[in-house]
């Protein structure tokens, strides 16, 4: 599974996991919320994928650089740039946010392992 592309895996498995025969039936695995916060989940995934790049500040800067090229950057990491001074309040806030996204990512992964989505 880890070596396959998500789209290929999804095409083969989505019906077994989430499809229902009739409208209104319960899926095999249901969401635990009616309004998932997609950007938060995506940011948690980005933080998890970049966790080996050092401190929370380095993770935030890396994600911000990558995301600005792809789309519009991560709003939570708006001030994550090299020229922010040490000890600056914005930097401490961003580092705290990265820490919370790390916890969220771990909680999501634990839930998925138990069959709860998200």
PDB file of N, CA and C in Angstrom:
ATOM      1  N   UNK A   1       0.814  -1.196   0.000  1.00  0.00           N
ATOM      2  CA  UNK A   1       0.000   0.000   0.000  1.00  0.00           C
ATOM      3  C   UNK A   1       0.862   1.267   0.000  1.00  0.00           C
ATOM      4  N   UNK A   2       1.941   1.278   0.776  1.00  0.00           N
ATOM      5  CA  UNK A   2       2.759   2.487   0.870  1.00  0.00           C
ATOM      6  C   UNK A   2       3.422   2.844  -0.448  1.00  0.00           C
ATOM      7  N   UNK A   3       3.665   1.877  -1.314  1.00  0.00           N
ATOM      8  CA  UNK A   3       4.308   2.146  -2.587  1.00  0.00           C
ATOM      9  C   UNK A   3       3.345   2.520  -3.694  1.00  0.00           C
ATOM     10  N   UNK A   4       2.039   2.442  -3.429  1.00  0.00           N
ATOM     11  CA  UNK A   4       1.058   2.744  -4.478  1.00  0.00           C
ATOM     12  C   UNK A   4       0.591   4.186  -4.394  1.00  0.00           C
ATOM     13  N   UNK A   5       0.079   4.683  -5.497  1.00  0.00           N
ATOM     14  CA  UNK A   5      -0.474   6.028  -5.522  1.00  0.00           C
ATOM     15  C   UNK A   5      -1.868   5.995  -4.902  1.00  0.00           C
ATOM     16  N   UNK A   6      -2.220   7.084  -4.219  1.00  0.00           N
ATOM     17  CA  UNK A   6      -3.505   7.116  -3.517  1.00  0.00           C
ATOM     18  C   UNK A   6      -4.673   6.909  -4.470  1.00  0.00           C
ATOM     19  N   UNK A   7      -4.660   7.576  -5.615  1.00  0.00           N
ATOM     20  CA  UNK A   7      -5.789   7.480  -6.555  1.00  0.00           C
ATOM     21  C   UNK A   7      -6.017   6.045  -7.018  1.00  0.00           C
ATOM     22  N   UNK A   8      -4.938   5.320  -7.264  1.00  0.00           N
ATOM     23  CA  UNK A   8      -5.076   3.921  -7.681  1.00  0.00           C
ATOM     24  C   UNK A   8      -5.655   3.073  -6.543  1.00  0.00           C
ATOM     25  N   UNK A   9      -5.132   3.278  -5.326  1.00  0.00           N
ATOM     26  CA  UNK A   9      -5.626   2.536  -4.176  1.00  0.00           C
ATOM     27  C   UNK A   9      -7.098   2.861  -3.924  1.00  0.00           C
ATOM     28  N   UNK A  10      -7.439   4.141  -3.972  1.00  0.00           N
ATOM     29  CA  UNK A  10      -8.810   4.584  -3.699  1.00  0.00           C
ATOM     30  C   UNK A  10      -9.788   3.966  -4.690  1.00  0.00           C
ATOM     31  N   UNK A  11      -9.425   3.957  -5.957  1.00  0.00           N
ATOM     32  CA  UNK A  11     -10.305   3.406  -6.986  1.00  0.00           C
ATOM     33  C   UNK A  11     -10.637   1.942  -6.710  1.00  0.00           C
ATOM     34  N   UNK A  12      -9.689   1.195  -6.185  1.00  0.00           N
ATOM     35  CA  UNK A  12      -9.898  -0.227  -5.904  1.00  0.00           C
ATOM     36  C   UNK A  12     -10.670  -0.474  -4.600  1.00  0.00           C
ATOM     37  N   UNK A  13     -10.535   0.411  -3.613  1.00  0.00           N
ATOM     38  CA  UNK A  13     -11.028   0.108  -2.274  1.00  0.00           C
ATOM     39  C   UNK A  13     -12.174   0.964  -1.750  1.00  0.00           C
ATOM     40  N   UNK A  14     -12.503   2.090  -2.369  1.00  0.00           N
ATOM     41  CA  UNK A  14     -13.474   2.982  -1.761  1.00  0.00           C
ATOM     42  C   UNK A  14     -14.842   2.331  -1.600  1.00  0.00           C
ATOM     43  N   UNK A  15     -15.251   1.515  -2.553  1.00  0.00           N
ATOM     44  CA  UNK A  15     -16.575   0.889  -2.471  1.00  0.00           C
ATOM     45  C   UNK A  15     -16.685  -0.049  -1.280  1.00  0.00           C
ATOM     46  N   UNK A  16     -15.642  -0.840  -1.051  1.00  0.00           N
ATOM     47  CA  UNK A  16     -15.667  -1.771   0.081  1.00  0.00           C
ATOM     48  C   UNK A  16     -15.738  -1.046   1.417  1.00  0.00           C
ATOM     49  N   UNK A  17     -15.113   0.119   1.492  1.00  0.00           N
ATOM     50  CA  UNK A  17     -15.023   0.825   2.766  1.00  0.00           C
ATOM     51  C   UNK A  17     -16.170   1.800   3.027  1.00  0.00           C
ATOM     52  N   UNK A  18     -16.629   2.513   1.982  1.00  0.00           N
ATOM     53  CA  UNK A  18     -17.537   3.629   2.226  1.00  0.00           C
ATOM     54  C   UNK A  18     -18.853   3.596   1.457  1.00  0.00           C
ATOM     55  N   UNK A  19     -19.001   2.727   0.475  1.00  0.00           N
ATOM     56  CA  UNK A  19     -20.220   2.712  -0.338  1.00  0.00           C
ATOM     57  C   UNK A  19     -21.372   2.063   0.439  1.00  0.00           C
ATOM     58  N   UNK A  20     -22.608   2.444   0.086  1.00  0.00           N
ATOM     59  CA  UNK A  20     -23.821   1.848   0.653  1.00  0.00           C
ATOM     60  C   UNK A  20     -24.729   1.417  -0.487  1.00  0.00           C
ATOM     61  N   UNK A  21     -25.537   0.408  -0.229  1.00  0.00           N
ATOM     62  CA  UNK A  21     -26.448  -0.090  -1.269  1.00  0.00           C
ATOM     63  C   UNK A  21     -27.588   0.889  -1.530  1.00  0.00           C
ATOM     64  N   UNK A  22     -28.193   1.404  -0.442  1.00  0.00           N
ATOM     65  CA  UNK A  22     -29.336   2.308  -0.564  1.00  0.00           C
ATOM     66  C   UNK A  22     -29.050   3.614   0.168  1.00  0.00           C
ATOM     67  N   UNK A  23     -29.568   4.687  -0.364  1.00  0.00           N
ATOM     68  CA  UNK A  23     -29.396   5.982   0.278  1.00  0.00           C
ATOM     69  C   UNK A  23     -29.981   5.921   1.682  1.00  0.00           C
ATOM     70  N   UNK A  24     -29.240   6.401   2.646  1.00  0.00           N
ATOM     71  CA  UNK A  24     -29.687   6.364   4.034  1.00  0.00           C
ATOM     72  C   UNK A  24     -29.106   5.210   4.825  1.00  0.00           C
ATOM     73  N   UNK A  25     -28.553   4.188   4.150  1.00  0.00           N
ATOM     74  CA  UNK A  25     -27.894   3.078   4.854  1.00  0.00           C
ATOM     75  C   UNK A  25     -26.617   3.577   5.514  1.00  0.00           C
ATOM     76  N   UNK A  26     -26.204   2.883   6.574  1.00  0.00           N
ATOM     77  CA  UNK A  26     -24.952   3.244   7.247  1.00  0.00           C
ATOM     78  C   UNK A  26     -23.783   2.587   6.525  1.00  0.00           C
ATOM     79  N   UNK A  27     -22.726   3.366   6.250  1.00  0.00           N
ATOM     80  CA  UNK A  27     -21.534   2.766   5.639  1.00  0.00           C
ATOM     81  C   UNK A  27     -20.781   1.904   6.654  1.00  0.00           C
ATOM     82  N   UNK A  28     -19.905   1.077   6.158  1.00  0.00           N
ATOM     83  CA  UNK A  28     -19.079   0.217   7.006  1.00  0.00           C
ATOM     84  C   UNK A  28     -18.277   1.064   7.993  1.00  0.00           C
ATOM     85  N   UNK A  29     -17.693   2.146   7.502  1.00  0.00           N
ATOM     86  CA  UNK A  29     -16.966   3.098   8.333  1.00  0.00           C
ATOM     87  C   UNK A  29     -17.584   4.465   8.111  1.00  0.00           C
ATOM     88  N   UNK A  30     -18.074   5.079   9.162  1.00  0.00           N
ATOM     89  CA  UNK A  30     -18.709   6.388   9.013  1.00  0.00           C
ATOM     90  C   UNK A  30     -17.837   7.471   9.635  1.00  0.00           C
ATOM     91  N   UNK A  31     -18.097   8.710   9.234  1.00  0.00           N
ATOM     92  CA  UNK A  31     -17.387   9.847   9.809  1.00  0.00           C
ATOM     93  C   UNK A  31     -17.929  10.119  11.204  1.00  0.00           C
ATOM     94  N   UNK A  32     -17.079  10.618  12.079  1.00  0.00           N
ATOM     95  CA  UNK A  32     -17.507  10.934  13.434  1.00  0.00           C
ATOM     96  C   UNK A  32     -18.041  12.357  13.539  1.00  0.00           C
ATOM     97  N   UNK A  33     -18.031  13.077  12.439  1.00  0.00           N
ATOM     98  CA  UNK A  33     -18.533  14.444  12.428  1.00  0.00           C
ATOM     99  C   UNK A  33     -19.293  14.691  11.134  1.00  0.00           C
ATOM    100  N   UNK A  34     -20.229  15.625  11.182  1.00  0.00           N
ATOM    101  CA  UNK A  34     -20.980  15.950   9.966  1.00  0.00           C
ATOM    102  C   UNK A  34     -20.310  17.068   9.179  1.00  0.00           C
ATOM    103  N   UNK A  35     -19.386  17.783   9.814  1.00  0.00           N
ATOM    104  CA  UNK A  35     -18.695  18.887   9.144  1.00  0.00           C
ATOM    105  C   UNK A  35     -17.186  18.776   9.356  1.00  0.00           C
ATOM    106  N   UNK A  36     -16.532  17.875   8.624  1.00  0.00           N
ATOM    107  CA  UNK A  36     -15.080  17.744   8.807  1.00  0.00           C
ATOM    108  C   UNK A  36     -14.348  19.012   8.367  1.00  0.00           C
ATOM    109  N   UNK A  37     -13.304  19.360   9.088  1.00  0.00           N
ATOM    110  CA  UNK A  37     -12.515  20.557   8.797  1.00  0.00           C
ATOM    111  C   UNK A  37     -11.329  20.135   7.927  1.00  0.00           C
ATOM    112  N   UNK A  38     -11.551  20.159   6.632  1.00  0.00           N
ATOM    113  CA  UNK A  38     -10.609  19.613   5.665  1.00  0.00           C
ATOM    114  C   UNK A  38      -9.247  20.307   5.737  1.00  0.00           C
ATOM    115  N   UNK A  39      -9.218  21.616   5.834  1.00  0.00           N
ATOM    116  CA  UNK A  39      -7.925  22.319   5.880  1.00  0.00           C
ATOM    117  C   UNK A  39      -7.120  21.935   7.119  1.00  0.00           C
ATOM    118  N   UNK A  40      -7.795  21.758   8.236  1.00  0.00           N
ATOM    119  CA  UNK A  40      -7.107  21.335   9.454  1.00  0.00           C
ATOM    120  C   UNK A  40      -6.517  19.948   9.323  1.00  0.00           C
ATOM    121  N   UNK A  41      -7.283  19.034   8.738  1.00  0.00           N
ATOM    122  CA  UNK A  41      -6.782  17.678   8.525  1.00  0.00           C
ATOM    123  C   UNK A  41      -5.612  17.688   7.547  1.00  0.00           C
ATOM    124  N   UNK A  42      -5.725  18.498   6.505  1.00  0.00           N
ATOM    125  CA  UNK A  42      -4.642  18.570   5.514  1.00  0.00           C
ATOM    126  C   UNK A  42      -3.371  19.137   6.141  1.00  0.00           C
ATOM    127  N   UNK A  43      -3.510  20.167   6.954  1.00  0.00           N
ATOM    128  CA  UNK A  43      -2.350  20.760   7.608  1.00  0.00           C
ATOM    129  C   UNK A  43      -1.726  19.763   8.587  1.00  0.00           C
ATOM    130  N   UNK A  44      -2.562  19.026   9.308  1.00  0.00           N
ATOM    131  CA  UNK A  44      -2.033  18.002  10.221  1.00  0.00           C
ATOM    132  C   UNK A  44      -1.248  16.957   9.442  1.00  0.00           C
ATOM    133  N   UNK A  45      -1.752  16.569   8.283  1.00  0.00           N
ATOM    134  CA  UNK A  45      -1.041  15.603   7.443  1.00  0.00           C
ATOM    135  C   UNK A  45       0.301  16.168   6.971  1.00  0.00           C
ATOM    136  N   UNK A  46       0.304  17.434   6.548  1.00  0.00           N
ATOM    137  CA  UNK A  46       1.553  18.063   6.105  1.00  0.00           C
ATOM    138  C   UNK A  46       2.573  18.104   7.243  1.00  0.00           C
ATOM    139  N   UNK A  47       2.127  18.444   8.446  1.00  0.00           N
ATOM    140  CA  UNK A  47       3.029  18.481   9.598  1.00  0.00           C
ATOM    141  C   UNK A  47       3.566  17.082   9.872  1.00  0.00           C
ATOM    142  N   UNK A  48       2.700  16.091   9.826  1.00  0.00           N
ATOM    143  CA  UNK A  48       3.135  14.713  10.070  1.00  0.00           C
ATOM    144  C   UNK A  48       4.157  14.271   9.022  1.00  0.00           C
ATOM    145  N   UNK A  49       3.896  14.578   7.762  1.00  0.00           N
ATOM    146  CA  UNK A  49       4.808  14.180   6.686  1.00  0.00           C
ATOM    147  C   UNK A  49       6.167  14.873   6.787  1.00  0.00           C
ATOM    148  N   UNK A  50       6.216  16.040   7.409  1.00  0.00           N
ATOM    149  CA  UNK A  50       7.460  16.807   7.502  1.00  0.00           C
ATOM    150  C   UNK A  50       8.065  16.788   8.901  1.00  0.00           C
ATOM    151  N   UNK A  51       7.622  15.884   9.749  1.00  0.00           N
ATOM    152  CA  UNK A  51       8.049  15.859  11.148  1.00  0.00           C
ATOM    153  C   UNK A  51       9.547  15.629  11.328  1.00  0.00           C
ATOM    154  N   UNK A  52      10.218  15.039  10.356  1.00  0.00           N
ATOM    155  CA  UNK A  52      11.646  14.749  10.507  1.00  0.00           C
ATOM    156  C   UNK A  52      12.538  15.953  10.190  1.00  0.00           C
ATOM    157  N   UNK A  53      11.966  17.087   9.863  1.00  0.00           N
ATOM    158  CA  UNK A  53      12.774  18.247   9.480  1.00  0.00           C
ATOM    159  C   UNK A  53      13.161  19.130  10.663  1.00  0.00           C
ATOM    160  N   UNK A  54      13.084  18.601  11.860  1.00  0.00           N
ATOM    161  CA  UNK A  54      13.603  19.321  13.013  1.00  0.00           C
ATOM    162  C   UNK A  54      12.540  19.948  13.875  1.00  0.00           C
ATOM    163  N   UNK A  55      12.815  21.166  14.287  1.00  0.00           N
ATOM    164  CA  UNK A  55      11.950  21.864  15.233  1.00  0.00           C
ATOM    165  C   UNK A  55      10.608  22.225  14.600  1.00  0.00           C
ATOM    166  N   UNK A  56       9.677  22.586  15.451  1.00  0.00           N
ATOM    167  CA  UNK A  56       8.361  23.018  14.964  1.00  0.00           C
ATOM    168  C   UNK A  56       8.490  24.222  14.035  1.00  0.00           C
ATOM    169  N   UNK A  57       9.435  25.097  14.327  1.00  0.00           N
ATOM    170  CA  UNK A  57       9.642  26.279  13.485  1.00  0.00           C
ATOM    171  C   UNK A  57      10.133  25.865  12.097  1.00  0.00           C
ATOM    172  N   UNK A  58      11.079  24.948  12.032  1.00  0.00           N
ATOM    173  CA  UNK A  58      11.600  24.485  10.738  1.00  0.00           C
ATOM    174  C   UNK A  58      10.507  23.776   9.935  1.00  0.00           C
ATOM    175  N   UNK A  59       9.682  23.018  10.604  1.00  0.00           N
ATOM    176  CA  UNK A  59       8.566  22.339   9.929  1.00  0.00           C
ATOM    177  C   UNK A  59       7.618  23.370   9.335  1.00  0.00           C
ATOM    178  N   UNK A  60       7.267  24.389  10.111  1.00  0.00           N
ATOM    179  CA  UNK A  60       6.345  25.431   9.631  1.00  0.00           C
ATOM    180  C   UNK A  60       6.922  26.168   8.423  1.00  0.00           C
ATOM    181  N   UNK A  61       8.215  26.533   8.478  1.00  0.00           N
ATOM    182  CA  UNK A  61       8.836  27.240   7.353  1.00  0.00           C
ATOM    183  C   UNK A  61       8.831  26.374   6.105  1.00  0.00           C
ATOM    184  N   UNK A  62       9.149  25.103   6.251  1.00  0.00           N
ATOM    185  CA  UNK A  62       9.191  24.199   5.101  1.00  0.00           C
ATOM    186  C   UNK A  62       7.801  24.066   4.466  1.00  0.00           C
ATOM    187  N   UNK A  63       6.799  23.848   5.295  1.00  0.00           N
ATOM    188  CA  UNK A  63       5.434  23.699   4.782  1.00  0.00           C
ATOM    189  C   UNK A  63       4.985  24.981   4.092  1.00  0.00           C
ATOM    190  N   UNK A  64       5.284  26.116   4.683  1.00  0.00           N
ATOM    191  CA  UNK A  64       4.864  27.394   4.087  1.00  0.00           C
ATOM    192  C   UNK A  64       5.516  27.598   2.719  1.00  0.00           C
ATOM    193  N   UNK A  65       6.814  27.283   2.606  1.00  0.00           N
ATOM    194  CA  UNK A  65       7.496  27.424   1.310  1.00  0.00           C
ATOM    195  C   UNK A  65       6.858  26.523   0.251  1.00  0.00           C
ATOM    196  N   UNK A  66       6.636  25.274   0.602  1.00  0.00           N
ATOM    197  CA  UNK A  66       6.060  24.312  -0.346  1.00  0.00           C
ATOM    198  C   UNK A  66       4.642  24.724  -0.746  1.00  0.00           C
ATOM    199  N   UNK A  67       3.838  25.079   0.226  1.00  0.00           N
ATOM    200  CA  UNK A  67       2.436  25.392  -0.051  1.00  0.00           C
ATOM    201  C   UNK A  67       2.252  26.702  -0.822  1.00  0.00           C
ATOM    202  N   UNK A  68       3.140  27.665  -0.608  1.00  0.00           N
ATOM    203  CA  UNK A  68       3.032  28.905  -1.383  1.00  0.00           C
ATOM    204  C   UNK A  68       3.268  28.648  -2.861  1.00  0.00           C
ATOM    205  N   UNK A  69       4.134  27.697  -3.169  1.00  0.00           N
ATOM    206  CA  UNK A  69       4.370  27.355  -4.576  1.00  0.00           C
ATOM    207  C   UNK A  69       3.187  26.593  -5.162  1.00  0.00           C
ATOM    208  N   UNK A  70       2.534  25.774  -4.364  1.00  0.00           N
ATOM    209  CA  UNK A  70       1.438  24.944  -4.843  1.00  0.00           C
ATOM    210  C   UNK A  70       0.117  25.691  -4.932  1.00  0.00           C
ATOM    211  N   UNK A  71      -0.177  26.503  -3.925  1.00  0.00           N
ATOM    212  CA  UNK A  71      -1.466  27.177  -3.899  1.00  0.00           C
ATOM    213  C   UNK A  71      -1.366  28.519  -3.215  1.00  0.00           C
ATOM    214  N   UNK A  72      -1.682  28.660  -1.965  1.00  0.00           N
ATOM    215  CA  UNK A  72      -1.692  29.977  -1.340  1.00  0.00           C
ATOM    216  C   UNK A  72      -1.047  30.007   0.039  1.00  0.00           C
ATOM    217  N   UNK A  73      -0.370  28.966   0.415  1.00  0.00           N
ATOM    218  CA  UNK A  73       0.260  28.930   1.733  1.00  0.00           C
ATOM    219  C   UNK A  73      -0.723  28.451   2.783  1.00  0.00           C
ATOM    220  N   UNK A  74      -0.223  28.225   3.963  1.00  0.00           N
ATOM    221  CA  UNK A  74      -1.045  27.772   5.083  1.00  0.00           C
ATOM    222  C   UNK A  74      -1.314  28.978   5.956  1.00  0.00           C
ATOM    223  N   UNK A  75      -2.578  29.321   6.114  1.00  0.00           N
ATOM    224  CA  UNK A  75      -2.954  30.519   6.872  1.00  0.00           C
ATOM    225  C   UNK A  75      -2.410  30.469   8.304  1.00  0.00           C
ATOM    226  N   UNK A  76      -2.396  29.299   8.920  1.00  0.00           N
ATOM    227  CA  UNK A  76      -1.904  29.164  10.299  1.00  0.00           C
ATOM    228  C   UNK A  76      -0.420  29.473  10.427  1.00  0.00           C
ATOM    229  N   UNK A  77       0.321  29.344   9.332  1.00  0.00           N
ATOM    230  CA  UNK A  77       1.767  29.550   9.347  1.00  0.00           C
ATOM    231  C   UNK A  77       2.146  30.803   8.560  1.00  0.00           C
ATOM    232  N   UNK A  78       1.287  31.783   8.504  1.00  0.00           N
ATOM    233  CA  UNK A  78       1.462  32.954   7.643  1.00  0.00           C
ATOM    234  C   UNK A  78       2.807  33.646   7.840  1.00  0.00           C
ATOM    235  N   UNK A  79       3.309  33.720   9.067  1.00  0.00           N
ATOM    236  CA  UNK A  79       4.553  34.441   9.332  1.00  0.00           C
ATOM    237  C   UNK A  79       5.774  33.529   9.408  1.00  0.00           C
ATOM    238  N   UNK A  80       5.683  32.317   8.900  1.00  0.00           N
ATOM    239  CA  UNK A  80       6.791  31.361   9.008  1.00  0.00           C
ATOM    240  C   UNK A  80       7.832  31.618   7.914  1.00  0.00           C
ATOM    241  N   UNK A  81       8.709  32.574   8.151  1.00  0.00           N
ATOM    242  CA  UNK A  81       9.768  32.932   7.205  1.00  0.00           C
ATOM    243  C   UNK A  81      11.084  33.061   7.942  1.00  0.00           C
ATOM    244  N   UNK A  82      12.178  32.944   7.220  1.00  0.00           N
ATOM    245  CA  UNK A  82      13.511  32.985   7.818  1.00  0.00           C
ATOM    246  C   UNK A  82      13.818  34.298   8.532  1.00  0.00           C
ATOM    247  N   UNK A  83      13.235  35.408   8.105  1.00  0.00           N
ATOM    248  CA  UNK A  83      13.610  36.702   8.666  1.00  0.00           C
ATOM    249  C   UNK A  83      12.846  37.076   9.938  1.00  0.00           C
ATOM    250  N   UNK A  84      12.064  36.163  10.490  1.00  0.00           N
ATOM    251  CA  UNK A  84      11.374  36.452  11.747  1.00  0.00           C
ATOM    252  C   UNK A  84      12.387  36.347  12.877  1.00  0.00           C
ATOM    253  N   UNK A  85      12.395  37.349  13.749  1.00  0.00           N
ATOM    254  CA  UNK A  85      13.374  37.415  14.826  1.00  0.00           C
ATOM    255  C   UNK A  85      13.128  36.343  15.882  1.00  0.00           C
ATOM    256  N   UNK A  86      14.206  35.888  16.511  1.00  0.00           N
ATOM    257  CA  UNK A  86      14.135  34.911  17.598  1.00  0.00           C
ATOM    258  C   UNK A  86      13.325  35.506  18.750  1.00  0.00           C
ATOM    259  N   UNK A  87      12.423  34.723  19.306  1.00  0.00           N
ATOM    260  CA  UNK A  87      11.624  35.169  20.434  1.00  0.00           C
ATOM    261  C   UNK A  87      10.410  36.003  20.055  1.00  0.00           C
ATOM    262  N   UNK A  88      10.239  36.273  18.797  1.00  0.00           N
ATOM    263  CA  UNK A  88       9.098  37.070  18.341  1.00  0.00           C
ATOM    264  C   UNK A  88       7.808  36.300  18.633  1.00  0.00           C
ATOM    265  N   UNK A  89       6.777  37.006  19.044  1.00  0.00           N
ATOM    266  CA  UNK A  89       5.518  36.365  19.442  1.00  0.00           C
ATOM    267  C   UNK A  89       4.910  35.535  18.314  1.00  0.00           C
ATOM    268  N   UNK A  90       4.957  36.038  17.074  1.00  0.00           N
ATOM    269  CA  UNK A  90       4.413  35.281  15.939  1.00  0.00           C
ATOM    270  C   UNK A  90       5.092  33.929  15.803  1.00  0.00           C
ATOM    271  N   UNK A  91       6.394  33.905  16.017  1.00  0.00           N
ATOM    272  CA  UNK A  91       7.154  32.666  15.898  1.00  0.00           C
ATOM    273  C   UNK A  91       6.723  31.673  16.980  1.00  0.00           C
ATOM    274  N   UNK A  92       6.536  32.135  18.183  1.00  0.00           N
ATOM    275  CA  UNK A  92       6.122  31.251  19.279  1.00  0.00           C
ATOM    276  C   UNK A  92       4.710  30.709  19.042  1.00  0.00           C
ATOM    277  N   UNK A  93       3.837  31.540  18.508  1.00  0.00           N
ATOM    278  CA  UNK A  93       2.467  31.108  18.214  1.00  0.00           C
ATOM    279  C   UNK A  93       2.478  30.017  17.141  1.00  0.00           C
ATOM    280  N   UNK A  94       3.253  30.230  16.093  1.00  0.00           N
ATOM    281  CA  UNK A  94       3.323  29.246  15.003  1.00  0.00           C
ATOM    282  C   UNK A  94       3.895  27.930  15.502  1.00  0.00           C
ATOM    283  N   UNK A  95       4.941  27.992  16.331  1.00  0.00           N
ATOM    284  CA  UNK A  95       5.518  26.768  16.884  1.00  0.00           C
ATOM    285  C   UNK A  95       4.488  26.011  17.723  1.00  0.00           C
ATOM    286  N   UNK A  96       3.686  26.731  18.459  1.00  0.00           N
ATOM    287  CA  UNK A  96       2.625  26.119  19.254  1.00  0.00           C
ATOM    288  C   UNK A  96       1.586  25.452  18.351  1.00  0.00           C
ATOM    289  N   UNK A  97       1.230  26.111  17.262  1.00  0.00           N
ATOM    290  CA  UNK A  97       0.267  25.540  16.317  1.00  0.00           C
ATOM    291  C   UNK A  97       0.789  24.246  15.701  1.00  0.00           C
ATOM    292  N   UNK A  98       2.073  24.237  15.335  1.00  0.00           N
ATOM    293  CA  UNK A  98       2.661  23.021  14.768  1.00  0.00           C
ATOM    294  C   UNK A  98       2.557  21.893  15.791  1.00  0.00           C
ATOM    295  N   UNK A  99       2.827  22.180  17.043  1.00  0.00           N
ATOM    296  CA  UNK A  99       2.716  21.177  18.091  1.00  0.00           C
ATOM    297  C   UNK A  99       1.299  20.619  18.191  1.00  0.00           C
ATOM    298  N   UNK A 100       0.308  21.502  18.079  1.00  0.00           N
ATOM    299  CA  UNK A 100      -1.090  21.043  18.119  1.00  0.00           C
ATOM    300  C   UNK A 100      -1.434  20.210  16.896  1.00  0.00           C
ATOM    301  N   UNK A 101      -0.917  20.592  15.732  1.00  0.00           N
ATOM    302  CA  UNK A 101      -1.161  19.795  14.522  1.00  0.00           C
ATOM    303  C   UNK A 101      -0.486  18.424  14.623  1.00  0.00           C
ATOM    304  N   UNK A 102       0.662  18.349  15.285  1.00  0.00           N
ATOM    305  CA  UNK A 102       1.309  17.054  15.511  1.00  0.00           C
ATOM    306  C   UNK A 102       0.404  16.153  16.347  1.00  0.00           C
ATOM    307  N   UNK A 103      -0.152  16.710  17.422  1.00  0.00           N
ATOM    308  CA  UNK A 103      -1.055  15.933  18.278  1.00  0.00           C
ATOM    309  C   UNK A 103      -2.294  15.486  17.510  1.00  0.00           C
ATOM    310  N   UNK A 104      -2.849  16.400  16.699  1.00  0.00           N
ATOM    311  CA  UNK A 104      -4.029  16.066  15.901  1.00  0.00           C
ATOM    312  C   UNK A 104      -3.718  14.936  14.925  1.00  0.00           C
ATOM    313  N   UNK A 105      -2.572  15.008  14.266  1.00  0.00           N
ATOM    314  CA  UNK A 105      -2.191  13.967  13.308  1.00  0.00           C
ATOM    315  C   UNK A 105      -2.079  12.615  13.995  1.00  0.00           C
ATOM    316  N   UNK A 106      -1.468  12.591  15.164  1.00  0.00           N
ATOM    317  CA  UNK A 106      -1.342  11.326  15.889  1.00  0.00           C
ATOM    318  C   UNK A 106      -2.703  10.797  16.329  1.00  0.00           C
ATOM    319  N   UNK A 107      -3.577  11.689  16.772  1.00  0.00           N
ATOM    320  CA  UNK A 107      -4.927  11.274  17.177  1.00  0.00           C
ATOM    321  C   UNK A 107      -5.707  10.720  15.985  1.00  0.00           C
ATOM    322  N   UNK A 108      -5.584  11.354  14.819  1.00  0.00           N
ATOM    323  CA  UNK A 108      -6.266  10.887  13.610  1.00  0.00           C
ATOM    324  C   UNK A 108      -5.737   9.508  13.213  1.00  0.00           C
ATOM    325  N   UNK A 109      -4.427   9.343  13.209  1.00  0.00           N
ATOM    326  CA  UNK A 109      -3.845   8.054  12.835  1.00  0.00           C
ATOM    327  C   UNK A 109      -4.270   6.943  13.794  1.00  0.00           C
ATOM    328  N   UNK A 110      -4.307   7.244  15.091  1.00  0.00           N
ATOM    329  CA  UNK A 110      -4.768   6.248  16.055  1.00  0.00           C
ATOM    330  C   UNK A 110      -6.222   5.878  15.806  1.00  0.00           C
ATOM    331  N   UNK A 111      -7.063   6.875  15.496  1.00  0.00           N
ATOM    332  CA  UNK A 111      -8.478   6.618  15.223  1.00  0.00           C
ATOM    333  C   UNK A 111      -8.663   5.775  13.978  1.00  0.00           C
ATOM    334  N   UNK A 112      -7.918   6.088  12.934  1.00  0.00           N
ATOM    335  CA  UNK A 112      -8.021   5.328  11.684  1.00  0.00           C
ATOM    336  C   UNK A 112      -7.598   3.883  11.919  1.00  0.00           C
ATOM    337  N   UNK A 113      -6.558   3.678  12.716  1.00  0.00           N
ATOM    338  CA  UNK A 113      -6.113   2.316  13.027  1.00  0.00           C
ATOM    339  C   UNK A 113      -7.209   1.522  13.752  1.00  0.00           C
ATOM    340  N   UNK A 114      -8.056   2.225  14.490  1.00  0.00           N
ATOM    341  CA  UNK A 114      -9.161   1.578  15.210  1.00  0.00           C
ATOM    342  C   UNK A 114     -10.440   1.520  14.354  1.00  0.00           C
ATOM    343  N   UNK A 115     -10.393   2.073  13.141  1.00  0.00           N
ATOM    344  CA  UNK A 115     -11.548   2.033  12.255  1.00  0.00           C
ATOM    345  C   UNK A 115     -12.505   3.182  12.417  1.00  0.00           C
ATOM    346  N   UNK A 116     -12.059   4.284  13.048  1.00  0.00           N
ATOM    347  CA  UNK A 116     -12.898   5.482  13.196  1.00  0.00           C
ATOM    348  C   UNK A 116     -12.385   6.565  12.248  1.00  0.00           C
ATOM    349  N   UNK A 117     -13.272   7.124  11.444  1.00  0.00           N
ATOM    350  CA  UNK A 117     -12.896   8.144  10.459  1.00  0.00           C
ATOM    351  C   UNK A 117     -13.685   9.408  10.720  1.00  0.00           C
ATOM    352  N   UNK A 118     -13.096  10.554  10.709  1.00  0.00           N
ATOM    353  CA  UNK A 118     -11.689  10.871  10.916  1.00  0.00           C
ATOM    354  C   UNK A 118     -11.316  10.730  12.336  1.00  0.00           C
TER     355      UNK A 118
END
